Amino acid sequence: MRLTTRSKLFGQEIWIIVDLLVEKYNSVAVFSFGSRARGDLKPWSIYDLSIIADLNEQYLDRIRDMLSALNEVDLQLKASPFKRG
């Protein structure tokens, strides 16, 4: 599933996060996976996102920075930042 289709499986809030990630990290791609992407979500399901971008930091530093950037968002999500190339 391509996130750019802005599928009805996702709430409007997630697009705020995707836009933030694309802008802050000059993301090449943002992928959704897991139960929300498949459409078989449960009330406790979180948003699982993978971000591919031009990143220079070590993996744990990327996660810390991304969690800090998303700290004010009131959504349950897991974001995994990966370096392009």
Protein backbone atom coordinates (compact mmCIF):
# COMPACT_ATOMS: atom_id res chain seq x y z
CA MET A 1 0.00 0.00 0.00
CA ARG A 2 1.34 3.42 -0.85
CA LEU A 3 0.82 6.07 1.82
CA THR A 4 0.60 8.75 -0.83
CA THR A 5 -2.87 7.47 -1.66
CA ARG A 6 -4.03 8.75 1.75
CA SER A 7 -6.16 5.67 2.21
CA LYS A 8 -9.24 5.73 4.44
CA LEU A 9 -7.51 3.14 6.64
CA PHE A 10 -5.60 6.01 8.23
CA GLY A 11 -6.93 8.90 10.25
CA GLN A 12 -6.15 12.50 9.36
CA GLU A 13 -3.72 12.71 12.28
CA ILE A 14 -1.26 10.31 10.69
CA TRP A 15 -0.88 12.60 7.68
CA ILE A 16 0.30 15.38 9.98
CA ILE A 17 3.02 13.01 11.16
CA VAL A 18 3.93 11.90 7.64
CA ASP A 19 4.17 15.54 6.52
CA LEU A 20 6.33 16.37 9.55
CA LEU A 21 8.67 13.44 8.85
CA VAL A 22 8.98 14.30 5.18
CA GLU A 23 9.75 17.93 5.95
CA LYS A 24 12.09 17.43 8.93
CA TYR A 25 14.09 14.55 7.52
CA ASN A 26 13.82 15.21 3.78
CA SER A 27 12.36 11.71 3.63
CA VAL A 28 12.56 9.70 0.46
CA ALA A 29 9.76 7.37 1.57
CA VAL A 30 7.45 6.71 4.49
CA PHE A 31 5.95 3.23 4.67
CA SER A 32 3.21 1.89 6.88
CA PHE A 33 3.13 -1.76 7.91
CA GLY A 34 1.37 -3.90 10.47
CA SER A 35 -2.30 -4.27 11.32
CA ARG A 36 -3.31 -0.70 10.43
CA ALA A 37 -1.76 -1.00 6.97
CA ARG A 38 -3.44 -4.36 6.40
CA GLY A 39 -6.79 -3.07 7.64
CA ASP A 40 -7.21 -5.64 10.41
CA LEU A 41 -6.52 -3.24 13.27
CA LYS A 42 -7.70 -3.65 16.82
CA PRO A 43 -8.51 -0.89 19.34
CA TRP A 44 -4.96 -1.16 20.73
CA SER A 45 -3.23 -1.13 17.32
CA ILE A 46 -0.49 1.43 16.84
CA TYR A 47 0.81 3.07 13.68
CA ASP A 48 3.95 1.32 12.45
CA LEU A 49 6.03 3.54 10.17
CA SER A 50 9.38 3.10 8.43
CA ILE A 51 11.11 6.22 7.20
CA ILE A 52 13.83 6.20 4.56
CA ALA A 53 15.81 9.43 4.37
CA ASP A 54 19.26 10.96 4.00
CA LEU A 55 20.38 10.51 7.61
CA ASN A 56 23.88 10.78 9.04
CA GLU A 57 23.30 9.92 12.69
CA GLN A 58 23.77 6.51 14.25
CA TYR A 59 20.58 4.42 14.45
CA LEU A 60 19.86 5.00 18.17
CA ASP A 61 20.51 8.73 17.76
CA ARG A 62 18.03 8.78 14.85
CA ILE A 63 15.38 7.09 16.97
CA ARG A 64 15.96 9.50 19.87
CA ASP A 65 15.72 12.51 17.55
CA MET A 66 12.59 11.18 15.86
CA LEU A 67 10.87 10.41 19.19
CA SER A 68 11.70 13.92 20.35
CA ALA A 69 10.23 15.41 17.15
CA LEU A 70 7.06 13.33 17.54
CA ASN A 71 6.75 13.84 21.31
CA GLU A 72 3.84 16.27 21.07
CA VAL A 73 1.77 14.03 18.80
CA ASP A 74 -1.07 12.25 20.55
CA LEU A 75 -0.91 8.99 18.60
CA GLN A 76 0.40 5.57 19.46
CA LEU A 77 3.10 4.93 16.89
CA LYS A 78 6.39 3.22 16.26
CA ALA A 79 8.73 4.91 13.82
CA SER A 80 11.85 3.24 12.42
CA PRO A 81 14.29 5.57 10.64
CA PHE A 82 16.55 4.02 7.99
CA LYS A 83 19.39 5.59 6.07
CA ARG A 84 19.04 5.72 2.30
CA GLY A 85 21.67 3.91 0.30
